[in-house]
Amino acid sequence: MKNKIFVTSKHPCTPNYIPSELKGCLSVIDEYEVIKRTQKGYRLRVSYSQEKGSMFLDEHYAFFKTYESALIFVASEANKVALKLEKTKQKAVKLMILANDELRKVKGGL
């Protein structure tokens, strides 16, 4: 049996980039065959380099033994981004209210 691992970016979504779907041409979670583990990350078999593979560094990627654990990680990261966006939305709404209140004062003083 081949040793498989599921890989995703350490930051699968950000406030500036949220993937529209999990699967597709730019998949959020990919499955690779492990060639070997190194101190810096994993050497994984990829389509363009079957023999030597390609390095996936711990500093850039998160590695999971199961698809389920990778999905939990992605959901958790998406939730963090949603909370950041909600806080940003609240700040924008507060600024809008302040600006409208000030506008009423300015119009009322004319």
PDB file of N, CA and C in Angstrom:
ATOM      1  N   MET A   1       0.836  -1.182   0.000  1.00  0.00           N
ATOM      2  CA  MET A   1       0.000   0.000   0.000  1.00  0.00           C
ATOM      3  C   MET A   1       0.880   1.245   0.000  1.00  0.00           C
ATOM      4  N   LYS A   2       0.543   2.193  -0.840  1.00  0.00           N
ATOM      5  CA  LYS A   2       1.313   3.422  -0.948  1.00  0.00           C
ATOM      6  C   LYS A   2       0.926   4.382   0.175  1.00  0.00           C
ATOM      7  N   ASN A   3       1.931   5.065   0.706  1.00  0.00           N
ATOM      8  CA  ASN A   3       1.715   6.027   1.779  1.00  0.00           C
ATOM      9  C   ASN A   3       1.190   7.334   1.184  1.00  0.00           C
ATOM     10  N   LYS A   4      -0.067   7.652   1.454  1.00  0.00           N
ATOM     11  CA  LYS A   4      -0.708   8.855   0.917  1.00  0.00           C
ATOM     12  C   LYS A   4      -0.833   9.906   2.011  1.00  0.00           C
ATOM     13  N   ILE A   5      -0.848  11.165   1.586  1.00  0.00           N
ATOM     14  CA  ILE A   5      -1.014  12.269   2.515  1.00  0.00           C
ATOM     15  C   ILE A   5      -1.851  13.348   1.844  1.00  0.00           C
ATOM     16  N   PHE A   6      -2.617  14.074   2.650  1.00  0.00           N
ATOM     17  CA  PHE A   6      -3.447  15.162   2.138  1.00  0.00           C
ATOM     18  C   PHE A   6      -2.777  16.486   2.475  1.00  0.00           C
ATOM     19  N   VAL A   7      -2.700  17.356   1.483  1.00  0.00           N
ATOM     20  CA  VAL A   7      -1.941  18.599   1.611  1.00  0.00           C
ATOM     21  C   VAL A   7      -2.826  19.796   1.282  1.00  0.00           C
ATOM     22  N   THR A   8      -2.698  20.833   2.093  1.00  0.00           N
ATOM     23  CA  THR A   8      -3.353  22.105   1.820  1.00  0.00           C
ATOM     24  C   THR A   8      -2.417  23.224   2.229  1.00  0.00           C
ATOM     25  N   SER A   9      -2.660  24.383   1.720  1.00  0.00           N
ATOM     26  CA  SER A   9      -1.879  25.554   2.098  1.00  0.00           C
ATOM     27  C   SER A   9      -2.086  25.829   3.581  1.00  0.00           C
ATOM     28  N   LYS A  10      -1.087  26.412   4.243  1.00  0.00           N
ATOM     29  CA  LYS A  10      -1.238  26.797   5.648  1.00  0.00           C
ATOM     30  C   LYS A  10      -2.371  27.820   5.799  1.00  0.00           C
ATOM     31  N   HIS A  11      -2.599  28.578   4.740  1.00  0.00           N
ATOM     32  CA  HIS A  11      -3.670  29.573   4.727  1.00  0.00           C
ATOM     33  C   HIS A  11      -4.539  29.330   3.490  1.00  0.00           C
ATOM     34  N   PRO A  12      -5.449  28.340   3.556  1.00  0.00           N
ATOM     35  CA  PRO A  12      -6.248  27.994   2.375  1.00  0.00           C
ATOM     36  C   PRO A  12      -7.201  29.103   1.932  1.00  0.00           C
ATOM     37  N   CYS A  13      -7.503  30.037   2.823  1.00  0.00           N
ATOM     38  CA  CYS A  13      -8.283  31.206   2.441  1.00  0.00           C
ATOM     39  C   CYS A  13      -7.827  32.386   3.282  1.00  0.00           C
ATOM     40  N   THR A  14      -7.988  33.567   2.730  1.00  0.00           N
ATOM     41  CA  THR A  14      -7.627  34.811   3.407  1.00  0.00           C
ATOM     42  C   THR A  14      -8.750  35.811   3.178  1.00  0.00           C
ATOM     43  N   PRO A  15      -8.738  36.935   3.878  1.00  0.00           N
ATOM     44  CA  PRO A  15      -9.778  37.936   3.596  1.00  0.00           C
ATOM     45  C   PRO A  15      -9.764  38.409   2.137  1.00  0.00           C
ATOM     46  N   ASN A  16      -8.617  38.323   1.481  1.00  0.00           N
ATOM     47  CA  ASN A  16      -8.519  38.759   0.086  1.00  0.00           C
ATOM     48  C   ASN A  16      -8.765  37.645  -0.924  1.00  0.00           C
ATOM     49  N   TYR A  17      -8.679  36.379  -0.485  1.00  0.00           N
ATOM     50  CA  TYR A  17      -8.894  35.261  -1.408  1.00  0.00           C
ATOM     51  C   TYR A  17      -9.644  34.144  -0.702  1.00  0.00           C
ATOM     52  N   ILE A  18     -10.834  33.865  -1.193  1.00  0.00           N
ATOM     53  CA  ILE A  18     -11.638  32.763  -0.673  1.00  0.00           C
ATOM     54  C   ILE A  18     -12.003  31.872  -1.856  1.00  0.00           C
ATOM     55  N   PRO A  19     -11.496  30.639  -1.884  1.00  0.00           N
ATOM     56  CA  PRO A  19     -11.823  29.741  -3.000  1.00  0.00           C
ATOM     57  C   PRO A  19     -13.333  29.536  -3.104  1.00  0.00           C
ATOM     58  N   SER A  20     -13.808  29.440  -4.326  1.00  0.00           N
ATOM     59  CA  SER A  20     -15.254  29.285  -4.522  1.00  0.00           C
ATOM     60  C   SER A  20     -15.719  27.846  -4.319  1.00  0.00           C
ATOM     61  N   GLU A  21     -14.791  26.900  -4.392  1.00  0.00           N
ATOM     62  CA  GLU A  21     -15.151  25.494  -4.182  1.00  0.00           C
ATOM     63  C   GLU A  21     -13.948  24.710  -3.681  1.00  0.00           C
ATOM     64  N   LEU A  22     -14.211  23.560  -3.058  1.00  0.00           N
ATOM     65  CA  LEU A  22     -13.133  22.705  -2.548  1.00  0.00           C
ATOM     66  C   LEU A  22     -12.396  21.977  -3.664  1.00  0.00           C
ATOM     67  N   LYS A  23     -13.164  21.497  -4.626  1.00  0.00           N
ATOM     68  CA  LYS A  23     -12.587  20.709  -5.717  1.00  0.00           C
ATOM     69  C   LYS A  23     -12.754  21.457  -7.021  1.00  0.00           C
ATOM     70  N   GLY A  24     -11.890  21.182  -7.950  1.00  0.00           N
ATOM     71  CA  GLY A  24     -11.934  21.849  -9.245  1.00  0.00           C
ATOM     72  C   GLY A  24     -10.524  21.945  -9.800  1.00  0.00           C
ATOM     73  N   CYS A  25     -10.319  22.896 -10.706  1.00  0.00           N
ATOM     74  CA  CYS A  25      -8.993  23.000 -11.316  1.00  0.00           C
ATOM     75  C   CYS A  25      -7.948  23.457 -10.292  1.00  0.00           C
ATOM     76  N   LEU A  26      -8.348  24.243  -9.298  1.00  0.00           N
ATOM     77  CA  LEU A  26      -7.458  24.648  -8.207  1.00  0.00           C
ATOM     78  C   LEU A  26      -8.017  24.098  -6.900  1.00  0.00           C
ATOM     79  N   SER A  27      -7.735  22.842  -6.641  1.00  0.00           N
ATOM     80  CA  SER A  27      -8.266  22.163  -5.473  1.00  0.00           C
ATOM     81  C   SER A  27      -7.652  22.727  -4.191  1.00  0.00           C
ATOM     82  N   VAL A  28      -8.455  22.836  -3.147  1.00  0.00           N
ATOM     83  CA  VAL A  28      -7.977  23.327  -1.860  1.00  0.00           C
ATOM     84  C   VAL A  28      -7.172  22.245  -1.146  1.00  0.00           C
ATOM     85  N   ILE A  29      -7.597  21.008  -1.279  1.00  0.00           N
ATOM     86  CA  ILE A  29      -6.922  19.869  -0.646  1.00  0.00           C
ATOM     87  C   ILE A  29      -6.489  18.902  -1.741  1.00  0.00           C
ATOM     88  N   ASP A  30      -5.205  18.551  -1.735  1.00  0.00           N
ATOM     89  CA  ASP A  30      -4.684  17.601  -2.715  1.00  0.00           C
ATOM     90  C   ASP A  30      -4.136  16.367  -2.014  1.00  0.00           C
ATOM     91  N   GLU A  31      -4.223  15.230  -2.702  1.00  0.00           N
ATOM     92  CA  GLU A  31      -3.695  13.973  -2.179  1.00  0.00           C
ATOM     93  C   GLU A  31      -2.442  13.612  -2.962  1.00  0.00           C
ATOM     94  N   TYR A  32      -1.366  13.279  -2.235  1.00  0.00           N
ATOM     95  CA  TYR A  32      -0.098  12.917  -2.867  1.00  0.00           C
ATOM     96  C   TYR A  32       0.459  11.658  -2.230  1.00  0.00           C
ATOM     97  N   GLU A  33       1.323  10.991  -2.978  1.00  0.00           N
ATOM     98  CA  GLU A  33       2.065   9.850  -2.454  1.00  0.00           C
ATOM     99  C   GLU A  33       3.360  10.368  -1.842  1.00  0.00           C
ATOM    100  N   VAL A  34       3.655   9.908  -0.634  1.00  0.00           N
ATOM    101  CA  VAL A  34       4.858  10.346   0.065  1.00  0.00           C
ATOM    102  C   VAL A  34       6.062   9.554  -0.433  1.00  0.00           C
ATOM    103  N   ILE A  35       7.122  10.274  -0.825  1.00  0.00           N
ATOM    104  CA  ILE A  35       8.394   9.639  -1.163  1.00  0.00           C
ATOM    105  C   ILE A  35       9.222   9.536   0.106  1.00  0.00           C
ATOM    106  N   LYS A  36       9.350  10.660   0.819  1.00  0.00           N
ATOM    107  CA  LYS A  36      10.019  10.627   2.121  1.00  0.00           C
ATOM    108  C   LYS A  36       9.732  11.902   2.899  1.00  0.00           C
ATOM    109  N   ARG A  37       9.926  11.805   4.209  1.00  0.00           N
ATOM    110  CA  ARG A  37       9.789  12.949   5.114  1.00  0.00           C
ATOM    111  C   ARG A  37      11.190  13.486   5.380  1.00  0.00           C
ATOM    112  N   THR A  38      11.346  14.804   5.320  1.00  0.00           N
ATOM    113  CA  THR A  38      12.632  15.423   5.627  1.00  0.00           C
ATOM    114  C   THR A  38      12.438  16.360   6.817  1.00  0.00           C
ATOM    115  N   GLN A  39      13.512  16.987   7.267  1.00  0.00           N
ATOM    116  CA  GLN A  39      13.418  17.922   8.382  1.00  0.00           C
ATOM    117  C   GLN A  39      12.584  19.141   8.021  1.00  0.00           C
ATOM    118  N   LYS A  40      12.586  19.510   6.744  1.00  0.00           N
ATOM    119  CA  LYS A  40      11.889  20.724   6.319  1.00  0.00           C
ATOM    120  C   LYS A  40      10.481  20.486   5.793  1.00  0.00           C
ATOM    121  N   GLY A  41      10.141  19.249   5.506  1.00  0.00           N
ATOM    122  CA  GLY A  41       8.817  18.966   4.955  1.00  0.00           C
ATOM    123  C   GLY A  41       8.745  17.583   4.346  1.00  0.00           C
ATOM    124  N   TYR A  42       7.931  17.458   3.310  1.00  0.00           N
ATOM    125  CA  TYR A  42       7.745  16.171   2.628  1.00  0.00           C
ATOM    126  C   TYR A  42       8.213  16.264   1.181  1.00  0.00           C
ATOM    127  N   ARG A  43       8.813  15.188   0.702  1.00  0.00           N
ATOM    128  CA  ARG A  43       9.068  15.035  -0.727  1.00  0.00           C
ATOM    129  C   ARG A  43       7.926  14.163  -1.233  1.00  0.00           C
ATOM    130  N   LEU A  44       7.120  14.729  -2.144  1.00  0.00           N
ATOM    131  CA  LEU A  44       5.908  14.066  -2.605  1.00  0.00           C
ATOM    132  C   LEU A  44       5.957  13.812  -4.103  1.00  0.00           C
ATOM    133  N   ARG A  45       5.393  12.693  -4.515  1.00  0.00           N
ATOM    134  CA  ARG A  45       5.322  12.335  -5.932  1.00  0.00           C
ATOM    135  C   ARG A  45       4.267  13.202  -6.616  1.00  0.00           C
ATOM    136  N   VAL A  46       4.683  13.912  -7.656  1.00  0.00           N
ATOM    137  CA  VAL A  46       3.777  14.777  -8.414  1.00  0.00           C
ATOM    138  C   VAL A  46       3.781  14.336  -9.872  1.00  0.00           C
ATOM    139  N   SER A  47       2.782  14.764 -10.616  1.00  0.00           N
ATOM    140  CA  SER A  47       2.608  14.309 -11.996  1.00  0.00           C
ATOM    141  C   SER A  47       3.790  14.664 -12.890  1.00  0.00           C
ATOM    142  N   TYR A  48       4.412  15.801 -12.653  1.00  0.00           N
ATOM    143  CA  TYR A  48       5.508  16.242 -13.515  1.00  0.00           C
ATOM    144  C   TYR A  48       6.870  15.727 -13.064  1.00  0.00           C
ATOM    145  N   SER A  49       6.930  15.035 -11.919  1.00  0.00           N
ATOM    146  CA  SER A  49       8.195  14.494 -11.438  1.00  0.00           C
ATOM    147  C   SER A  49       7.933  13.233 -10.616  1.00  0.00           C
ATOM    148  N   GLN A  50       7.698  12.136 -11.323  1.00  0.00           N
ATOM    149  CA  GLN A  50       7.343  10.877 -10.662  1.00  0.00           C
ATOM    150  C   GLN A  50       8.502  10.281  -9.856  1.00  0.00           C
ATOM    151  N   GLU A  51       9.716  10.396 -10.353  1.00  0.00           N
ATOM    152  CA  GLU A  51      10.876   9.784  -9.694  1.00  0.00           C
ATOM    153  C   GLU A  51      11.351  10.572  -8.477  1.00  0.00           C
ATOM    154  N   LYS A  52      11.738  11.823  -8.717  1.00  0.00           N
ATOM    155  CA  LYS A  52      12.322  12.638  -7.641  1.00  0.00           C
ATOM    156  C   LYS A  52      11.274  13.323  -6.782  1.00  0.00           C
ATOM    157  N   GLY A  53      10.117  13.585  -7.346  1.00  0.00           N
ATOM    158  CA  GLY A  53       9.068  14.260  -6.616  1.00  0.00           C
ATOM    159  C   GLY A  53       9.348  15.747  -6.456  1.00  0.00           C
ATOM    160  N   SER A  54       8.586  16.375  -5.590  1.00  0.00           N
ATOM    161  CA  SER A  54       8.717  17.802  -5.344  1.00  0.00           C
ATOM    162  C   SER A  54       8.624  18.038  -3.840  1.00  0.00           C
ATOM    163  N   MET A  55       9.374  19.031  -3.351  1.00  0.00           N
ATOM    164  CA  MET A  55       9.364  19.343  -1.921  1.00  0.00           C
ATOM    165  C   MET A  55       8.176  20.229  -1.564  1.00  0.00           C
ATOM    166  N   PHE A  56       7.507  19.870  -0.491  1.00  0.00           N
ATOM    167  CA  PHE A  56       6.437  20.661   0.085  1.00  0.00           C
ATOM    168  C   PHE A  56       6.895  20.998   1.507  1.00  0.00           C
ATOM    169  N   LEU A  57       7.204  22.266   1.742  1.00  0.00           N
ATOM    170  CA  LEU A  57       7.794  22.688   3.006  1.00  0.00           C
ATOM    171  C   LEU A  57       6.750  22.904   4.102  1.00  0.00           C
ATOM    172  N   ASP A  58       7.122  22.536   5.331  1.00  0.00           N
ATOM    173  CA  ASP A  58       6.236  22.711   6.488  1.00  0.00           C
ATOM    174  C   ASP A  58       5.818  24.162   6.674  1.00  0.00           C
ATOM    175  N   GLU A  59       6.684  25.090   6.303  1.00  0.00           N
ATOM    176  CA  GLU A  59       6.367  26.504   6.514  1.00  0.00           C
ATOM    177  C   GLU A  59       5.265  27.012   5.585  1.00  0.00           C
ATOM    178  N   HIS A  60       4.997  26.294   4.502  1.00  0.00           N
ATOM    179  CA  HIS A  60       3.978  26.726   3.537  1.00  0.00           C
ATOM    180  C   HIS A  60       2.734  25.840   3.489  1.00  0.00           C
ATOM    181  N   TYR A  61       2.868  24.594   3.909  1.00  0.00           N
ATOM    182  CA  TYR A  61       1.778  23.629   3.750  1.00  0.00           C
ATOM    183  C   TYR A  61       1.424  22.953   5.065  1.00  0.00           C
ATOM    184  N   ALA A  62       0.182  22.508   5.152  1.00  0.00           N
ATOM    185  CA  ALA A  62      -0.294  21.701   6.269  1.00  0.00           C
ATOM    186  C   ALA A  62      -0.549  20.293   5.727  1.00  0.00           C
ATOM    187  N   PHE A  63      -0.130  19.276   6.480  1.00  0.00           N
ATOM    188  CA  PHE A  63      -0.209  17.884   6.041  1.00  0.00           C
ATOM    189  C   PHE A  63      -1.128  17.089   6.962  1.00  0.00           C
ATOM    190  N   PHE A  64      -1.937  16.210   6.355  1.00  0.00           N
ATOM    191  CA  PHE A  64      -2.912  15.445   7.119  1.00  0.00           C
ATOM    192  C   PHE A  64      -2.928  13.999   6.649  1.00  0.00           C
ATOM    193  N   LYS A  65      -3.153  13.104   7.598  1.00  0.00           N
ATOM    194  CA  LYS A  65      -3.217  11.671   7.279  1.00  0.00           C
ATOM    195  C   LYS A  65      -4.565  11.289   6.670  1.00  0.00           C
ATOM    196  N   THR A  66      -5.614  12.052   7.000  1.00  0.00           N
ATOM    197  CA  THR A  66      -6.945  11.732   6.477  1.00  0.00           C
ATOM    198  C   THR A  66      -7.560  12.955   5.798  1.00  0.00           C
ATOM    199  N   TYR A  67      -8.441  12.703   4.855  1.00  0.00           N
ATOM    200  CA  TYR A  67      -9.168  13.772   4.167  1.00  0.00           C
ATOM    201  C   TYR A  67     -10.061  14.508   5.157  1.00  0.00           C
ATOM    202  N   GLU A  68     -10.635  13.761   6.086  1.00  0.00           N
ATOM    203  CA  GLU A  68     -11.516  14.347   7.093  1.00  0.00           C
ATOM    204  C   GLU A  68     -10.775  15.390   7.936  1.00  0.00           C
ATOM    205  N   SER A  69      -9.573  15.081   8.379  1.00  0.00           N
ATOM    206  CA  SER A  69      -8.816  16.035   9.196  1.00  0.00           C
ATOM    207  C   SER A  69      -8.422  17.268   8.382  1.00  0.00           C
ATOM    208  N   ALA A  70      -8.150  17.095   7.094  1.00  0.00           N
ATOM    209  CA  ALA A  70      -7.848  18.233   6.222  1.00  0.00           C
ATOM    210  C   ALA A  70      -9.086  19.120   6.067  1.00  0.00           C
ATOM    211  N   LEU A  71     -10.251  18.507   5.927  1.00  0.00           N
ATOM    212  CA  LEU A  71     -11.502  19.272   5.817  1.00  0.00           C
ATOM    213  C   LEU A  71     -11.783  20.071   7.095  1.00  0.00           C
ATOM    214  N   ILE A  72     -11.512  19.476   8.239  1.00  0.00           N
ATOM    215  CA  ILE A  72     -11.705  20.167   9.516  1.00  0.00           C
ATOM    216  C   ILE A  72     -10.790  21.392   9.583  1.00  0.00           C
ATOM    217  N   PHE A  73      -9.547  21.241   9.150  1.00  0.00           N
ATOM    218  CA  PHE A  73      -8.596  22.353   9.130  1.00  0.00           C
ATOM    219  C   PHE A  73      -9.084  23.475   8.212  1.00  0.00           C
ATOM    220  N   VAL A  74      -9.507  23.129   7.005  1.00  0.00           N
ATOM    221  CA  VAL A  74      -9.977  24.138   6.035  1.00  0.00           C
ATOM    222  C   VAL A  74     -11.208  24.861   6.590  1.00  0.00           C
ATOM    223  N   ALA A  75     -12.129  24.115   7.188  1.00  0.00           N
ATOM    224  CA  ALA A  75     -13.330  24.730   7.769  1.00  0.00           C
ATOM    225  C   ALA A  75     -12.955  25.685   8.897  1.00  0.00           C
ATOM    226  N   SER A  76     -11.992  25.303   9.718  1.00  0.00           N
ATOM    227  CA  SER A  76     -11.535  26.147  10.813  1.00  0.00           C
ATOM    228  C   SER A  76     -10.900  27.433  10.291  1.00  0.00           C
ATOM    229  N   GLU A  77     -10.069  27.318   9.261  1.00  0.00           N
ATOM    230  CA  GLU A  77      -9.435  28.502   8.673  1.00  0.00           C
ATOM    231  C   GLU A  77     -10.476  29.418   8.019  1.00  0.00           C
ATOM    232  N   ALA A  78     -11.460  28.840   7.355  1.00  0.00           N
ATOM    233  CA  ALA A  78     -12.528  29.634   6.740  1.00  0.00           C
ATOM    234  C   ALA A  78     -13.333  30.370   7.813  1.00  0.00           C
ATOM    235  N   ASN A  79     -13.551  29.724   8.942  1.00  0.00           N
ATOM    236  CA  ASN A  79     -14.269  30.356  10.047  1.00  0.00           C
ATOM    237  C   ASN A  79     -13.476  31.553  10.586  1.00  0.00           C
ATOM    238  N   LYS A  80     -12.149  31.412  10.711  1.00  0.00           N
ATOM    239  CA  LYS A  80     -11.307  32.521  11.172  1.00  0.00           C
ATOM    240  C   LYS A  80     -11.417  33.713  10.222  1.00  0.00           C
ATOM    241  N   VAL A  81     -11.400  33.440   8.929  1.00  0.00           N
ATOM    242  CA  VAL A  81     -11.513  34.510   7.933  1.00  0.00           C
ATOM    243  C   VAL A  81     -12.898  35.160   8.023  1.00  0.00           C
ATOM    244  N   ALA A  82     -13.926  34.348   8.196  1.00  0.00           N
ATOM    245  CA  ALA A  82     -15.287  34.888   8.316  1.00  0.00           C
ATOM    246  C   ALA A  82     -15.395  35.826   9.520  1.00  0.00           C
ATOM    247  N   LEU A  83     -14.758  35.467  10.629  1.00  0.00           N
ATOM    248  CA  LEU A  83     -14.781  36.328  11.819  1.00  0.00           C
ATOM    249  C   LEU A  83     -14.050  37.644  11.552  1.00  0.00           C
ATOM    250  N   LYS A  84     -12.908  37.569  10.864  1.00  0.00           N
ATOM    251  CA  LYS A  84     -12.168  38.798  10.517  1.00  0.00           C
ATOM    252  C   LYS A  84     -13.018  39.695   9.628  1.00  0.00           C
ATOM    253  N   LEU A  85     -13.679  39.089   8.644  1.00  0.00           N
ATOM    254  CA  LEU A  85     -14.520  39.872   7.736  1.00  0.00           C
ATOM    255  C   LEU A  85     -15.716  40.478   8.464  1.00  0.00           C
ATOM    256  N   GLU A  86     -16.272  39.752   9.412  1.00  0.00           N
ATOM    257  CA  GLU A  86     -17.399  40.268  10.188  1.00  0.00           C
ATOM    258  C   GLU A  86     -16.971  41.481  11.000  1.00  0.00           C
ATOM    259  N   LYS A  87     -15.795  41.410  11.618  1.00  0.00           N
ATOM    260  CA  LYS A  87     -15.284  42.551  12.396  1.00  0.00           C
ATOM    261  C   LYS A  87     -15.037  43.746  11.478  1.00  0.00           C
ATOM    262  N   THR A  88     -14.510  43.498  10.297  1.00  0.00           N
ATOM    263  CA  THR A  88     -14.279  44.572   9.332  1.00  0.00           C
ATOM    264  C   THR A  88     -15.607  45.196   8.912  1.00  0.00           C
ATOM    265  N   LYS A  89     -16.605  44.355   8.683  1.00  0.00           N
ATOM    266  CA  LYS A  89     -17.936  44.850   8.307  1.00  0.00           C
ATOM    267  C   LYS A  89     -18.512  45.719   9.421  1.00  0.00           C
ATOM    268  N   GLN A  90     -18.356  45.298  10.673  1.00  0.00           N
ATOM    269  CA  GLN A  90     -18.870  46.071  11.799  1.00  0.00           C
ATOM    270  C   GLN A  90     -18.191  47.444  11.881  1.00  0.00           C
ATOM    271  N   LYS A  91     -16.884  47.488  11.635  1.00  0.00           N
ATOM    272  CA  LYS A  91     -16.159  48.765  11.643  1.00  0.00           C
ATOM    273  C   LYS A  91     -16.657  49.675  10.519  1.00  0.00           C
ATOM    274  N   ALA A  92     -16.896  49.106   9.346  1.00  0.00           N
ATOM    275  CA  ALA A  92     -17.380  49.894   8.207  1.00  0.00           C
ATOM    276  C   ALA A  92     -18.780  50.439   8.485  1.00  0.00           C
ATOM    277  N   VAL A  93     -19.645  49.626   9.077  1.00  0.00           N
ATOM    278  CA  VAL A  93     -21.001  50.067   9.398  1.00  0.00           C
ATOM    279  C   VAL A  93     -20.945  51.188  10.442  1.00  0.00           C
ATOM    280  N   LYS A  94     -20.086  51.059  11.437  1.00  0.00           N
ATOM    281  CA  LYS A  94     -19.939  52.095  12.456  1.00  0.00           C
ATOM    282  C   LYS A  94     -19.486  53.414  11.816  1.00  0.00           C
ATOM    283  N   LEU A  95     -18.507  53.342  10.914  1.00  0.00           N
ATOM    284  CA  LEU A  95     -18.037  54.540  10.223  1.00  0.00           C
ATOM    285  C   LEU A  95     -19.148  55.156   9.381  1.00  0.00           C
ATOM    286  N   MET A  96     -19.932  54.321   8.713  1.00  0.00           N
ATOM    287  CA  MET A  96     -21.051  54.808   7.902  1.00  0.00           C
ATOM    288  C   MET A  96     -22.053  55.552   8.782  1.00  0.00           C
ATOM    289  N   ILE A  97     -22.372  54.994   9.943  1.00  0.00           N
ATOM    290  CA  ILE A  97     -23.321  55.627  10.862  1.00  0.00           C
ATOM    291  C   ILE A  97     -22.773  56.969  11.345  1.00  0.00           C
ATOM    292  N   LEU A  98     -21.494  57.003  11.718  1.00  0.00           N
ATOM    293  CA  LEU A  98     -20.883  58.255  12.158  1.00  0.00           C
ATOM    294  C   LEU A  98     -20.920  59.314  11.051  1.00  0.00           C
ATOM    295  N   ALA A  99     -20.616  58.907   9.842  1.00  0.00           N
ATOM    296  CA  ALA A  99     -20.628  59.838   8.711  1.00  0.00           C
ATOM    297  C   ALA A  99     -22.036  60.353   8.451  1.00  0.00           C
ATOM    298  N   ASN A 100     -23.031  59.482   8.515  1.00  0.00           N
ATOM    299  CA  ASN A 100     -24.428  59.906   8.314  1.00  0.00           C
ATOM    300  C   ASN A 100     -24.893  60.842   9.432  1.00  0.00           C
ATOM    301  N   ASP A 101     -24.494  60.551  10.680  1.00  0.00           N
ATOM    302  CA  ASP A 101     -24.837  61.439  11.794  1.00  0.00           C
ATOM    303  C   ASP A 101     -24.216  62.816  11.588  1.00  0.00           C
ATOM    304  N   GLU A 102     -22.958  62.838  11.187  1.00  0.00           N
ATOM    305  CA  GLU A 102     -22.269  64.104  10.931  1.00  0.00           C
ATOM    306  C   GLU A 102     -22.932  64.853   9.781  1.00  0.00           C
ATOM    307  N   LEU A 103     -23.353  64.114   8.753  1.00  0.00           N
ATOM    308  CA  LEU A 103     -24.022  64.720   7.605  1.00  0.00           C
ATOM    309  C   LEU A 103     -25.328  65.398   8.038  1.00  0.00           C
ATOM    310  N   ARG A 104     -26.085  64.736   8.925  1.00  0.00           N
ATOM    311  CA  ARG A 104     -27.327  65.318   9.431  1.00  0.00           C
ATOM    312  C   ARG A 104     -27.051  66.616  10.198  1.00  0.00           C
ATOM    313  N   LYS A 105     -25.967  66.623  10.975  1.00  0.00           N
ATOM    314  CA  LYS A 105     -25.593  67.828  11.724  1.00  0.00           C
ATOM    315  C   LYS A 105     -25.240  68.968  10.765  1.00  0.00           C
ATOM    316  N   VAL A 106     -24.468  68.632   9.723  1.00  0.00           N
ATOM    317  CA  VAL A 106     -24.042  69.641   8.761  1.00  0.00           C
ATOM    318  C   VAL A 106     -25.244  70.188   7.991  1.00  0.00           C
ATOM    319  N   LYS A 107     -26.135  69.309   7.548  1.00  0.00           N
ATOM    320  CA  LYS A 107     -27.326  69.740   6.818  1.00  0.00           C
ATOM    321  C   LYS A 107     -28.271  70.534   7.713  1.00  0.00           C
ATOM    322  N   GLY A 108     -28.380  70.135   8.993  1.00  0.00           N
ATOM    323  CA  GLY A 108     -29.273  70.811   9.917  1.00  0.00           C
ATOM    324  C   GLY A 108     -28.764  72.201  10.287  1.00  0.00           C
ATOM    325  N   GLY A 109     -27.454  72.405  10.216  1.00  0.00           N
ATOM    326  CA  GLY A 109     -26.872  73.700  10.574  1.00  0.00           C
ATOM    327  C   GLY A 109     -26.972  74.726   9.478  1.00  0.00           C
ATOM    328  N   LEU A 110     -27.399  74.325   8.277  1.00  0.00           N
ATOM    329  CA  LEU A 110     -27.495  75.271   7.149  1.00  0.00           C
ATOM    330  C   LEU A 110     -28.682  76.150   7.245  1.00  0.00           C
TER     331      LEU A 110
END
